[in-house]
Amino acid sequence: MSIQTKLNIGLFGFGVVGESLWQVLQSNTSLQAQIKKVCIKNPEKTRNAPQELFTTDANSLLCDDSINVIVELIDDADAAYKIVTTALLKGKSVVSANKKLIAEHLPELLALQQETGASFLYEAACCASIPVIRNLEEYYDNDLLQSISGIVNGSTNYILTKIAEDGLDFATALKQAQLEGFAESNPALDIEGTDAINKLTILLAHAYGIVTDPKKLVCNGITNLHEQDARYAKEKGLAIKLVAHARKQEDGNVAAFVLPQFLKSDSRLFNVRNEYNGVVIESALADQQFFNGKGAGGFPTASAVISDLSALRYNYRYEYKKLYYSQPQQLADEFSLHVYFSFDVDSALPADFFDNREEWASNGERSVVIGSVSFSKLKDTTWWKENGNSLVALPDVFIDKNGKPASTKARKAALV
């Protein structure tokens, strides 16, 4: 596809993001892109676009040789996989925002891109308006990348903000997020952390060349957070956020997980509020760089789709440089985390769960233990996120073998 080529788009899905994309392209003529046809599921629904634009026949888009780009914006990952793979096999470029599809089928999608040479872009799948994938591909395409940490799910961040700042209970905050369009009618993927771990899976491929199954990564959402945890945060001047981490260890392997975390006011992520996302990228030479932007909503997500469409006019495709042109890193298991763990006083805490207990307290209904836990114990068991148990990473989440906050300085010095 040359820069002169006009983008004739076949769009799947006309929800909040799809309609926003349509509206933007109606007024943006410089992109030289038009939506030729939209495939939808429910033809009876009233939509703010000409009726002749819509069809329920997927093949009328996929088999139309005049359509050279497929944009996939539906919420059914299985159906999206069929759409994307068919389009790639037909030599069409594809833009997607479906993080579940990409995370669960990344090996197959990588193979298809190699086989067909077609472009498959998905900036909108990770942090909506924040261009994190393109930056990892182009700016951080070297071995000096130390870590990525971020709030990558706008729905959970909105809920946690309303609980902390407005004193809402979890159910009320969730309902408000749904009414505002920041959470789905079935919010399980968001509040259980699945959406965040899918995004982390994608980021690992571009940052470190790690291709893994999201189900193999340690993940916990915000459903088990207790009012005791919120009180603790308020007393200590902390904020609770759902944070995704990927951090290179001293041996070169990468620690990766998603957990709720207490953050101090000096953290770049502390003031990321409501539906906003925030990502901190740390490298040996540039130290920390902070990206902040809306992580949910029609137009913010459509902005990333527009960016991908623009890139297609320059024949852009991901090179996956860390995967194909250098030795990919491996996931780490041998490290420890500094955590806060609250549980009902009637629950039993395994004696060997904590490697080191620093504090213990109980108010007769809820007990709290603070200490260090081997990551392998979180990976190999699930009881710690069941039965109302609440595990929250502390601000200095990474600790060394002596129980002290782990520093990246030694690793940075070696890299430089």
Protein backbone atom coordinates (compact mmCIF):
# COMPACT_ATOMS: atom_id res chain seq x y z
CA MET A 1 0.00 0.00 0.00
CA SER A 2 1.61 3.28 -1.06
CA ILE A 3 1.16 6.69 0.52
CA GLN A 4 -1.07 7.73 -2.38
CA THR A 5 -3.51 4.89 -1.86
CA LYS A 6 -6.91 5.86 -0.57
CA LEU A 7 -8.10 3.82 2.37
CA ASN A 8 -11.40 2.12 1.63
CA ILE A 9 -12.52 0.77 4.97
CA GLY A 10 -14.73 -2.12 5.87
CA LEU A 11 -15.81 -1.52 9.46
CA PHE A 12 -17.02 -4.25 11.82
CA GLY A 13 -19.00 -2.82 14.71
CA PHE A 14 -20.77 0.50 15.15
CA GLY A 15 -20.80 0.92 18.90
CA VAL A 16 -19.36 3.87 20.80
CA VAL A 17 -15.95 3.64 19.13
CA GLY A 18 -17.23 2.70 15.68
CA GLU A 19 -19.64 5.61 15.57
CA SER A 20 -16.95 7.98 16.84
CA LEU A 21 -14.64 6.81 14.06
CA TRP A 22 -17.38 7.41 11.50
CA GLN A 23 -17.95 10.93 12.77
CA VAL A 24 -14.24 11.80 12.67
CA LEU A 25 -13.77 10.49 9.13
CA GLN A 26 -16.77 12.49 7.93
CA SER A 27 -14.94 15.72 8.78
CA ASN A 28 -11.32 14.64 8.26
CA THR A 29 -10.56 14.69 4.53
CA SER A 30 -6.76 14.89 4.84
CA LEU A 31 -6.54 11.23 5.82
CA GLN A 32 -7.98 10.15 2.46
CA ALA A 33 -10.01 7.42 4.12
CA GLN A 34 -13.65 6.50 3.85
CA ILE A 35 -15.83 3.84 5.40
CA LYS A 36 -17.35 1.99 2.51
CA LYS A 37 -19.43 -0.55 4.46
CA VAL A 38 -20.22 -1.39 8.09
CA CYS A 39 -21.08 -4.89 9.25
CA ILE A 40 -23.37 -4.93 12.27
CA LYS A 41 -25.11 -7.62 14.32
CA ASN A 42 -28.51 -6.06 14.94
CA PRO A 43 -30.04 -4.44 11.83
CA GLU A 44 -33.08 -3.18 13.74
CA LYS A 45 -31.10 -0.78 15.92
CA THR A 46 -31.29 2.92 15.04
CA ARG A 47 -27.90 4.37 14.08
CA ASN A 48 -26.65 7.85 13.30
CA ALA A 49 -25.47 7.10 9.78
CA PRO A 50 -27.09 6.37 6.39
CA GLN A 51 -28.97 3.06 6.38
CA GLU A 52 -27.35 1.92 3.13
CA LEU A 53 -23.98 1.90 4.88
CA PHE A 54 -24.91 -1.13 6.99
CA THR A 55 -25.04 -4.85 6.34
CA THR A 56 -25.13 -8.07 8.35
CA ASP A 57 -23.13 -9.94 5.70
CA ALA A 58 -19.48 -10.13 6.78
CA ASN A 59 -18.39 -11.53 3.42
CA SER A 60 -19.63 -8.45 1.62
CA LEU A 61 -16.75 -6.63 3.34
CA LEU A 62 -14.15 -9.38 3.45
CA CYS A 63 -14.60 -10.40 -0.20
CA ASP A 64 -14.86 -6.88 -1.63
CA ASP A 65 -11.58 -6.26 -3.49
CA SER A 66 -12.13 -2.50 -3.37
CA ILE A 67 -11.95 -2.58 0.44
CA ASN A 68 -8.25 -2.57 1.35
CA VAL A 69 -8.54 -2.06 5.13
CA ILE A 70 -10.64 -3.88 7.69
CA VAL A 71 -11.25 -2.11 11.01
CA GLU A 72 -12.50 -4.53 13.68
CA LEU A 73 -14.29 -2.92 16.66
CA ILE A 74 -16.59 -5.62 18.03
CA ASP A 75 -16.68 -7.11 21.53
CA ASP A 76 -16.82 -10.79 20.53
CA ALA A 77 -13.22 -12.05 20.52
CA ASP A 78 -14.04 -15.33 18.75
CA ALA A 79 -15.92 -13.64 15.94
CA ALA A 80 -13.20 -10.98 15.74
CA TYR A 81 -10.53 -13.68 15.32
CA LYS A 82 -12.35 -15.08 12.30
CA ILE A 83 -12.74 -11.60 10.81
CA VAL A 84 -9.10 -10.62 11.35
CA THR A 85 -7.57 -13.87 10.10
CA THR A 86 -9.77 -13.94 7.01
CA ALA A 87 -8.88 -10.35 6.17
CA LEU A 88 -5.14 -10.96 6.60
CA LEU A 89 -5.27 -14.07 4.40
CA LYS A 90 -6.96 -11.99 1.73
CA GLY A 91 -4.10 -9.49 1.89
CA LYS A 92 -6.08 -6.71 3.53
CA SER A 93 -4.54 -4.52 6.21
CA VAL A 94 -6.31 -4.75 9.57
CA VAL A 95 -6.77 -2.35 12.47
CA SER A 96 -8.23 -3.71 15.71
CA ALA A 97 -9.00 -2.58 19.25
CA ASN A 98 -9.75 -6.07 20.57
CA LYS A 99 -7.17 -6.76 23.28
CA LYS A 100 -8.71 -10.13 24.23
CA LEU A 101 -8.45 -11.36 20.65
CA ILE A 102 -4.84 -10.25 20.31
CA ALA A 103 -3.62 -11.49 23.70
CA GLU A 104 -5.22 -14.93 23.35
CA HIS A 105 -4.18 -15.50 19.73
CA LEU A 106 -0.90 -13.62 19.41
CA PRO A 107 1.21 -16.59 18.16
CA GLU A 108 -1.24 -17.29 15.32
CA LEU A 109 -1.54 -13.61 14.45
CA LEU A 110 2.25 -13.23 14.37
CA ALA A 111 2.52 -16.20 12.01
CA LEU A 112 -0.17 -14.78 9.72
CA GLN A 113 1.59 -11.44 9.51
CA GLN A 114 4.83 -13.22 8.57
CA GLU A 115 3.04 -15.36 6.00
CA THR A 116 0.98 -12.66 4.30
CA GLY A 117 3.09 -9.53 4.83
CA ALA A 118 -0.13 -7.68 5.65
CA SER A 119 -0.19 -4.98 8.33
CA PHE A 120 -2.05 -5.67 11.56
CA LEU A 121 -2.10 -2.62 13.85
CA TYR A 122 -3.79 -2.33 17.24
CA GLU A 123 -2.67 0.76 19.15
CA ALA A 124 -6.22 1.22 20.49
CA ALA A 125 -6.09 -2.21 22.16
CA CYS A 126 -3.79 -1.17 25.01
CA CYS A 127 -4.28 2.35 26.35
CA ALA A 128 -6.78 4.01 24.00
CA SER A 129 -5.41 7.51 23.40
CA ILE A 130 -1.87 6.79 24.70
CA PRO A 131 0.53 5.73 21.88
CA VAL A 132 2.42 3.19 23.95
CA ILE A 133 2.83 0.38 21.39
CA ARG A 134 4.31 2.62 18.69
CA ASN A 135 6.74 4.08 21.24
CA LEU A 136 7.86 0.63 22.37
CA GLU A 137 8.32 -0.42 18.74
CA GLU A 138 10.23 2.65 17.58
CA TYR A 139 11.64 4.66 20.48
CA TYR A 140 12.47 1.83 22.89
CA ASP A 141 13.61 -0.71 20.28
CA ASN A 142 16.80 -1.47 22.21
CA ASP A 143 17.96 -3.41 25.24
CA LEU A 144 17.98 -0.44 27.60
CA LEU A 145 14.32 -0.72 28.55
CA GLN A 146 14.07 -1.31 32.29
CA SER A 147 10.39 -1.42 33.10
CA ILE A 148 6.82 -0.56 32.22
CA SER A 149 4.22 0.09 34.87
CA GLY A 150 0.82 1.49 34.29
CA ILE A 151 -2.86 1.96 34.90
CA VAL A 152 -4.17 0.42 31.70
CA ASN A 153 -7.85 -0.05 32.46
CA GLY A 154 -9.99 3.09 32.59
CA SER A 155 -13.05 1.36 34.04
CA THR A 156 -11.37 0.13 37.22
CA ASN A 157 -9.54 3.42 37.64
CA TYR A 158 -12.84 5.30 37.42
CA ILE A 159 -14.38 3.01 40.05
CA LEU A 160 -11.42 3.32 42.43
CA THR A 161 -11.42 7.12 42.01
CA LYS A 162 -15.10 7.36 42.95
CA ILE A 163 -14.59 5.12 45.99
CA ALA A 164 -11.60 7.15 47.22
CA GLU A 165 -12.78 10.67 46.43
CA ASP A 166 -16.58 10.47 46.67
CA GLY A 167 -16.88 7.78 49.32
CA LEU A 168 -19.03 5.55 47.10
CA ASP A 169 -19.27 1.84 47.79
CA PHE A 170 -18.04 -0.55 45.11
CA ALA A 171 -21.47 -1.42 43.69
CA THR A 172 -22.52 2.24 43.36
CA ALA A 173 -19.21 3.25 41.77
CA LEU A 174 -19.48 0.38 39.28
CA LYS A 175 -23.04 1.37 38.36
CA GLN A 176 -21.93 4.96 37.79
CA ALA A 177 -19.08 3.75 35.56
CA GLN A 178 -21.60 1.79 33.50
CA LEU A 179 -23.93 4.78 33.20
CA GLU A 180 -21.00 6.94 32.01
CA GLY A 181 -20.07 4.34 29.39
CA PHE A 182 -16.73 3.48 31.00
CA ALA A 183 -17.74 -0.05 32.01
CA GLU A 184 -19.64 -2.72 30.10
CA SER A 185 -23.00 -4.11 31.17
CA ASN A 186 -20.99 -7.25 32.04
CA PRO A 187 -17.93 -5.67 33.68
CA ALA A 188 -16.18 -8.91 34.68
CA LEU A 189 -13.28 -8.49 32.23
CA ASP A 190 -12.50 -5.09 33.75
CA ILE A 191 -13.00 -5.54 37.48
CA GLU A 192 -11.44 -9.02 37.63
CA GLY A 193 -8.27 -7.74 35.97
CA THR A 194 -8.59 -9.79 32.77
CA ASP A 195 -8.60 -6.74 30.52
CA ALA A 196 -5.45 -5.40 32.16
CA ILE A 197 -3.60 -8.71 31.89
CA ASN A 198 -4.55 -9.00 28.21
CA LYS A 199 -3.04 -5.56 27.63
CA LEU A 200 0.09 -6.48 29.57
CA THR A 201 0.45 -9.59 27.40
CA ILE A 202 0.48 -7.39 24.30
CA LEU A 203 2.95 -4.92 25.81
CA LEU A 204 5.34 -7.75 26.76
CA ALA A 205 5.63 -8.76 23.10
CA HIS A 206 6.59 -5.26 21.98
CA ALA A 207 8.75 -4.36 24.98
CA TYR A 208 10.67 -7.57 25.59
CA GLY A 209 9.83 -9.98 22.77
CA ILE A 210 7.93 -12.20 25.20
CA VAL A 211 5.00 -14.08 23.66
CA THR A 212 2.95 -15.75 26.37
CA ASP A 213 -0.54 -16.90 27.25
CA PRO A 214 -2.31 -14.30 29.44
CA LYS A 215 -3.68 -17.13 31.57
CA LYS A 216 -0.11 -17.93 32.66
CA LEU A 217 0.42 -14.47 34.16
CA VAL A 218 -0.41 -13.58 37.76
CA CYS A 219 -3.43 -11.31 37.85
CA ASN A 220 -5.98 -10.07 40.35
CA GLY A 221 -8.55 -7.34 39.92
CA ILE A 222 -10.41 -5.09 42.33
CA THR A 223 -13.45 -7.20 43.24
CA ASN A 224 -11.95 -8.41 46.53
CA LEU A 225 -10.84 -5.02 47.78
CA HIS A 226 -12.35 -4.45 51.21
CA GLU A 227 -13.44 -1.23 52.93
CA GLN A 228 -10.64 -1.94 55.41
CA ASP A 229 -8.17 -1.53 52.54
CA ALA A 230 -9.69 1.83 51.58
CA ARG A 231 -9.42 3.00 55.21
CA TYR A 232 -5.79 1.93 55.36
CA ALA A 233 -5.05 3.86 52.16
CA LYS A 234 -6.74 7.00 53.49
CA GLU A 235 -4.94 6.81 56.83
CA LYS A 236 -1.56 6.46 55.13
CA GLY A 237 -2.18 9.07 52.41
CA LEU A 238 -2.05 6.41 49.69
CA ALA A 239 -4.11 5.76 46.56
CA ILE A 240 -5.24 2.32 45.44
CA LYS A 241 -4.82 1.66 41.72
CA LEU A 242 -4.87 -1.46 39.55
CA VAL A 243 -1.34 -1.53 38.14
CA ALA A 244 0.27 -3.67 35.44
CA HIS A 245 4.00 -4.27 35.87
CA ALA A 246 6.75 -5.57 33.58
CA ARG A 247 10.23 -5.14 35.03
CA LYS A 248 13.59 -6.53 33.98
CA GLN A 249 15.40 -8.26 36.83
CA GLU A 250 19.16 -8.34 37.40
CA ASP A 251 19.42 -11.70 35.61
CA GLY A 252 17.70 -10.23 32.54
CA ASN A 253 14.41 -12.06 33.03
CA VAL A 254 11.19 -10.05 33.25
CA ALA A 255 8.78 -9.94 36.19
CA ALA A 256 5.21 -9.40 34.96
CA PHE A 257 1.87 -9.24 36.79
CA VAL A 258 -1.27 -7.17 37.45
CA LEU A 259 -2.30 -6.41 41.03
CA PRO A 260 -4.02 -3.65 43.01
CA GLN A 261 -1.32 -1.43 44.49
CA PHE A 262 -1.02 1.28 47.11
CA LEU A 263 0.74 4.30 45.61
CA LYS A 264 2.46 7.20 47.35
CA SER A 265 1.83 10.79 46.33
CA ASP A 266 5.23 10.97 44.64
CA SER A 267 4.31 8.20 42.18
CA ARG A 268 3.62 9.34 38.62
CA LEU A 269 0.47 7.20 38.73
CA PHE A 270 -0.92 8.64 41.99
CA ASN A 271 -2.92 11.42 40.30
CA VAL A 272 -4.17 9.38 37.34
CA ARG A 273 -7.90 9.73 37.98
CA ASN A 274 -11.25 8.56 36.63
CA GLU A 275 -11.15 6.95 33.17
CA TYR A 276 -7.59 8.08 32.47
CA ASN A 277 -4.69 5.69 31.89
CA GLY A 278 -1.10 6.35 32.85
CA VAL A 279 2.05 4.52 31.80
CA VAL A 280 5.57 4.96 33.20
CA ILE A 281 8.38 3.65 30.99
CA GLU A 282 11.86 3.50 32.50
CA SER A 283 15.06 3.08 30.52
CA ALA A 284 18.73 3.12 31.41
CA LEU A 285 19.43 6.40 29.64
CA ALA A 286 16.17 8.36 29.73
CA ASP A 287 15.17 7.37 33.29
CA GLN A 288 11.37 7.64 33.63
CA GLN A 289 8.99 8.92 31.00
CA PHE A 290 5.30 9.31 31.78
CA PHE A 291 2.37 9.00 29.38
CA ASN A 292 -1.08 10.11 30.49
CA GLY A 293 -4.35 10.13 28.57
CA LYS A 294 -7.92 8.91 28.41
CA GLY A 295 -8.11 5.15 28.48
CA ALA A 296 -11.80 4.77 27.73
CA GLY A 297 -14.48 6.45 25.65
CA GLY A 298 -15.39 6.66 21.99
CA PHE A 299 -13.26 9.52 20.70
CA PRO A 300 -10.08 8.74 22.71
CA THR A 301 -10.13 5.17 21.40
CA ALA A 302 -11.03 6.32 17.90
CA SER A 303 -7.98 8.61 17.99
CA ALA A 304 -5.71 5.57 18.21
CA VAL A 305 -7.58 3.89 15.35
CA ILE A 306 -7.12 7.03 13.27
CA SER A 307 -3.39 7.00 14.06
CA ASP A 308 -3.13 3.41 12.84
CA LEU A 309 -5.06 4.23 9.66
CA SER A 310 -2.71 7.12 8.99
CA ALA A 311 0.30 4.85 9.50
CA LEU A 312 -1.05 2.41 6.92
CA ARG A 313 -0.69 5.06 4.26
CA TYR A 314 3.07 4.90 4.90
CA ASN A 315 3.15 1.10 4.60
CA TYR A 316 3.74 0.85 8.33
CA ARG A 317 3.71 -2.52 10.08
CA TYR A 318 5.00 -3.70 13.42
CA GLU A 319 8.46 -5.25 13.19
CA TYR A 320 8.42 -6.91 16.64
CA LYS A 321 12.12 -6.07 16.88
CA LYS A 322 12.67 -7.57 20.33
CA LEU A 323 11.16 -10.84 19.15
CA TYR A 324 12.70 -11.26 15.71
CA TYR A 325 15.97 -9.30 15.79
CA SER A 326 17.32 -9.93 19.27
CA GLN A 327 17.20 -12.60 21.94
CA PRO A 328 13.75 -12.37 23.57
CA GLN A 329 13.69 -12.11 27.35
CA GLN A 330 12.09 -14.78 29.54
CA LEU A 331 9.49 -14.39 32.28
CA ALA A 332 10.88 -14.38 35.82
CA ASP A 333 9.56 -16.44 38.72
CA GLU A 334 12.32 -16.06 41.30
CA PHE A 335 11.66 -12.74 42.98
CA SER A 336 9.74 -11.39 45.95
CA LEU A 337 6.98 -8.84 46.35
CA HIS A 338 6.20 -6.52 49.24
CA VAL A 339 2.47 -6.86 49.95
CA TYR A 340 -0.42 -6.02 52.26
CA PHE A 341 -2.84 -8.90 52.84
CA SER A 342 -6.23 -8.53 54.55
CA PHE A 343 -8.59 -11.38 55.36
CA ASP A 344 -11.50 -12.36 57.60
CA VAL A 345 -10.39 -13.32 61.08
CA ASP A 346 -12.14 -16.68 60.65
CA SER A 347 -9.96 -17.50 57.63
CA ALA A 348 -6.75 -19.46 57.99
CA LEU A 349 -3.50 -17.96 56.67
CA PRO A 350 -1.00 -20.67 55.63
CA ALA A 351 2.05 -20.46 57.88
CA ASP A 352 4.48 -20.51 54.96
CA PHE A 353 2.74 -17.95 52.74
CA PHE A 354 4.81 -15.00 53.91
CA ASP A 355 8.59 -15.32 53.73
CA ASN A 356 8.81 -12.47 56.20
CA ARG A 357 6.06 -10.87 58.31
CA GLU A 358 6.73 -7.26 59.23
CA GLU A 359 3.37 -6.25 60.71
CA TRP A 360 0.21 -7.98 61.89
CA ALA A 361 -3.01 -6.39 63.12
CA SER A 362 -6.64 -7.35 63.73
CA ASN A 363 -9.79 -5.44 64.66
CA GLY A 364 -11.78 -8.56 65.53
CA GLU A 365 -13.40 -8.82 62.10
CA ARG A 366 -10.54 -8.31 59.69
CA SER A 367 -6.84 -9.16 59.99
CA VAL A 368 -3.97 -7.53 58.11
CA VAL A 369 -0.47 -8.84 57.51
CA ILE A 370 2.33 -6.89 55.79
CA GLY A 371 5.44 -8.64 54.55
CA SER A 372 7.26 -10.26 51.67
CA VAL A 373 5.92 -13.07 49.50
CA SER A 374 7.73 -15.16 46.91
CA PHE A 375 6.17 -14.56 43.53
CA SER A 376 6.11 -18.29 42.81
CA LYS A 377 3.61 -18.73 45.68
CA LEU A 378 1.21 -16.32 43.99
CA LYS A 379 1.70 -18.04 40.67
CA ASP A 380 1.25 -21.60 41.94
CA THR A 381 -1.85 -21.02 44.13
CA THR A 382 -5.14 -19.16 43.88
CA TRP A 383 -6.51 -19.28 47.44
CA TRP A 384 -5.07 -15.81 48.17
CA LYS A 385 -7.62 -14.20 45.84
CA GLU A 386 -10.62 -16.22 46.99
CA ASN A 387 -13.05 -16.11 49.95
CA GLY A 388 -12.83 -12.36 50.41
CA ASN A 389 -9.03 -12.31 50.74
CA SER A 390 -7.47 -9.05 49.56
CA LEU A 391 -3.85 -8.75 48.44
CA VAL A 392 -2.54 -5.29 47.56
CA ALA A 393 1.03 -4.57 46.47
CA LEU A 394 2.81 -1.94 48.56
CA PRO A 395 4.46 1.12 46.97
CA ASP A 396 7.91 -0.52 47.10
CA VAL A 397 6.50 -3.65 45.52
CA PHE A 398 9.81 -5.13 44.36
CA ILE A 399 12.16 -6.13 47.18
CA ASP A 400 15.53 -7.87 47.16
CA LYS A 401 16.60 -11.02 49.00
CA ASN A 402 17.34 -8.93 52.10
CA GLY A 403 13.81 -7.53 52.20
CA LYS A 404 14.92 -4.10 51.01
CA PRO A 405 13.38 -2.16 48.10
CA ALA A 406 14.96 -3.50 44.91
CA SER A 407 16.83 -0.88 42.93
CA THR A 408 17.37 -0.74 39.18
CA LYS A 409 20.58 1.26 39.55
CA ALA A 410 22.92 -1.71 39.36
CA ARG A 411 21.18 -3.07 36.29
CA LYS A 412 21.25 0.37 34.66
CA ALA A 413 24.96 0.74 35.31
CA ALA A 414 25.63 -2.61 33.69
CA LEU A 415 23.59 -1.69 30.62
CA VAL A 416 25.25 1.70 30.17
